[in-house]
């Protein structure tokens, strides 16, 4: 697996969303892994890391994996579309926790990434498990569809 620098992560994710809380990112076409240290009180909701942020972490990992499969993907020309996600929250994540998200590619077919993922602590205890899909479409096609509605 190769290490992805913070500037590479920012360049890949910034056109779509503000990258959140990632460090120690490694990737190859089969797996993406990265650490998240929950160290900012602004990230917390009712004293724990909210599920929407956990879902965002899974999808941002899926975006990084998409780049590994489609080396010609251009964020200026295309948009990501999140498909369905199935997620099971197992334990709450609190401020000060260090967790690792690991996503694996189940399949990449015709511009659609099917993935599974897990969020664990350093002891391997799971906090969340997910599976979902991510695809892309050309921006021009989306603009035509938007103008027709």
Protein backbone atom coordinates (compact mmCIF):
# COMPACT_ATOMS: atom_id res chain seq x y z
CA UNK A 1 0.00 0.00 0.00
CA UNK A 2 1.17 3.51 -0.74
CA UNK A 3 1.02 6.46 1.64
CA UNK A 4 -1.17 9.34 0.48
CA UNK A 5 0.02 12.72 1.72
CA UNK A 6 -2.28 15.25 3.35
CA UNK A 7 -1.90 17.55 0.33
CA UNK A 8 -2.94 14.67 -2.00
CA UNK A 9 -5.98 13.95 0.19
CA UNK A 10 -6.93 17.64 0.11
CA UNK A 11 -6.51 17.84 -3.68
CA UNK A 12 -8.71 14.79 -4.22
CA UNK A 13 -11.46 15.64 -1.75
CA UNK A 14 -11.56 19.46 -1.69
CA UNK A 15 -13.65 19.82 -4.89
CA UNK A 16 -16.43 17.78 -3.22
CA UNK A 17 -16.26 18.29 0.53
CA UNK A 18 -13.96 19.54 3.23
CA UNK A 19 -11.82 16.57 4.11
CA UNK A 20 -12.30 15.66 7.71
CA UNK A 21 -9.97 14.48 10.39
CA UNK A 22 -7.78 12.17 8.31
CA UNK A 23 -4.15 11.23 8.84
CA UNK A 24 -1.90 8.29 8.09
CA UNK A 25 -3.72 7.53 4.83
CA UNK A 26 -2.63 4.46 2.87
CA UNK A 27 -4.28 3.16 -0.27
CA UNK A 28 -4.21 0.70 -3.12
CA UNK A 29 -7.05 -0.45 -5.41
CA UNK A 30 -8.21 -3.00 -2.84
CA UNK A 31 -7.97 -1.10 0.45
CA UNK A 32 -7.94 2.41 1.89
CA UNK A 33 -7.09 2.97 5.55
CA UNK A 34 -6.78 6.17 7.59
CA UNK A 35 -6.78 7.40 11.17
CA UNK A 36 -9.18 9.85 12.73
CA UNK A 37 -8.37 11.45 16.05
CA UNK A 38 -11.50 12.94 17.57
CA UNK A 39 -9.87 15.93 19.21
CA UNK A 40 -12.10 18.88 18.39
CA UNK A 41 -15.17 19.63 20.54
CA UNK A 42 -16.87 21.15 17.46
CA UNK A 43 -17.04 17.64 15.95
CA UNK A 44 -19.08 16.32 18.86
CA UNK A 45 -22.83 16.14 19.25
CA UNK A 46 -24.26 15.23 22.67
CA UNK A 47 -20.70 14.40 23.83
CA UNK A 48 -19.96 11.89 21.05
CA UNK A 49 -18.84 11.82 17.41
CA UNK A 50 -22.13 11.92 15.46
CA UNK A 51 -23.18 9.24 13.00
CA UNK A 52 -23.30 11.71 10.11
CA UNK A 53 -19.57 12.38 10.57
CA UNK A 54 -18.87 8.64 10.65
CA UNK A 55 -20.83 8.21 7.41
CA UNK A 56 -18.86 11.11 5.89
CA UNK A 57 -15.60 9.41 6.90
CA UNK A 58 -16.68 6.20 5.15
CA UNK A 59 -17.66 8.05 1.96
CA UNK A 60 -14.45 10.09 1.90
CA UNK A 61 -12.50 6.84 2.10
CA UNK A 62 -14.63 5.52 -0.78
CA UNK A 63 -13.76 8.64 -2.81
CA UNK A 64 -10.05 8.02 -2.24
CA UNK A 65 -10.52 4.38 -3.31
CA UNK A 66 -12.41 5.50 -6.43
CA UNK A 67 -9.31 7.49 -7.46
CA UNK A 68 -7.26 4.29 -7.07
CA UNK A 69 -9.53 2.48 -9.55
CA UNK A 70 -10.15 5.29 -12.03
CA UNK A 71 -6.78 6.97 -12.56
CA UNK A 72 -8.35 9.28 -15.16
CA UNK A 73 -11.05 10.61 -12.84
CA UNK A 74 -10.98 14.42 -13.05
CA UNK A 75 -12.80 16.35 -10.30
CA UNK A 76 -13.17 19.31 -12.66
CA UNK A 77 -15.06 17.16 -15.19
CA UNK A 78 -17.02 14.74 -12.98
CA UNK A 79 -19.05 14.55 -9.79
CA UNK A 80 -19.36 11.76 -7.23
CA UNK A 81 -22.75 10.24 -6.46
CA UNK A 82 -23.18 8.37 -3.21
CA UNK A 83 -25.34 5.32 -3.59
CA UNK A 84 -26.98 3.56 -0.73
CA UNK A 85 -25.09 2.91 2.48
CA UNK A 86 -25.87 0.32 5.08
CA UNK A 87 -24.24 1.12 8.39
CA UNK A 88 -24.30 -0.45 11.80
CA UNK A 89 -23.19 1.71 14.72
CA UNK A 90 -21.77 -0.53 17.43
CA UNK A 91 -20.35 1.85 20.08
CA UNK A 92 -20.21 5.62 20.54
CA UNK A 93 -16.98 7.47 19.75
CA UNK A 94 -16.00 10.15 22.27
CA UNK A 95 -13.55 13.06 22.26
CA UNK A 96 -9.96 11.90 22.51
CA UNK A 97 -10.57 8.57 20.77
CA UNK A 98 -8.27 7.52 17.94
CA UNK A 99 -10.05 5.30 15.41
CA UNK A 100 -9.02 3.74 12.12
CA UNK A 101 -11.33 3.48 9.12
CA UNK A 102 -10.51 0.68 6.70
CA UNK A 103 -12.45 0.25 3.47
CA UNK A 104 -12.15 -2.63 1.06
CA UNK A 105 -13.28 -2.74 -2.54
CA UNK A 106 -15.85 -5.43 -3.15
CA UNK A 107 -16.12 -4.57 -6.83
CA UNK A 108 -15.48 -1.76 -9.29
CA UNK A 109 -17.59 -2.13 -12.44
CA UNK A 110 -18.50 0.46 -15.05
CA UNK A 111 -17.74 3.48 -12.86
CA UNK A 112 -19.43 2.07 -9.75
CA UNK A 113 -17.48 1.25 -6.60
CA UNK A 114 -19.00 -1.23 -4.14
CA UNK A 115 -17.24 -1.10 -0.80
CA UNK A 116 -17.28 -2.42 2.74
CA UNK A 117 -15.71 -0.71 5.71
CA UNK A 118 -15.05 -0.88 9.40
CA UNK A 119 -14.13 1.69 12.04
CA UNK A 120 -12.02 0.24 14.89
CA UNK A 121 -9.80 1.38 17.75
CA UNK A 122 -6.16 0.37 18.22
CA UNK A 123 -7.26 -2.86 19.94
CA UNK A 124 -9.42 -3.86 16.97
CA UNK A 125 -12.73 -3.19 18.74
CA UNK A 126 -15.32 -2.15 16.15
CA UNK A 127 -17.31 1.08 16.45
CA UNK A 128 -19.09 0.93 13.10
CA UNK A 129 -19.40 -1.28 10.03
CA UNK A 130 -20.62 -0.15 6.63
CA UNK A 131 -21.21 -1.20 3.06
CA UNK A 132 -22.22 1.04 0.20
CA UNK A 133 -21.70 2.27 -3.32
CA UNK A 134 -20.20 5.31 -4.99
CA UNK A 135 -20.31 6.29 -8.67
CA UNK A 136 -19.50 9.29 -10.82
CA UNK A 137 -21.10 11.21 -13.67
CA UNK A 138 -19.75 13.90 -15.98
CA UNK A 139 -20.58 17.40 -14.70
CA UNK A 140 -21.96 18.37 -18.13
CA UNK A 141 -24.46 15.49 -18.01
CA UNK A 142 -25.60 16.53 -14.53
CA UNK A 143 -26.04 20.15 -15.67
CA UNK A 144 -28.20 19.02 -18.62
CA UNK A 145 -30.35 16.93 -16.29
CA UNK A 146 -30.62 19.84 -13.87
CA UNK A 147 -31.73 22.23 -16.61
CA UNK A 148 -34.45 19.81 -17.71
CA UNK A 149 -36.14 19.79 -14.29
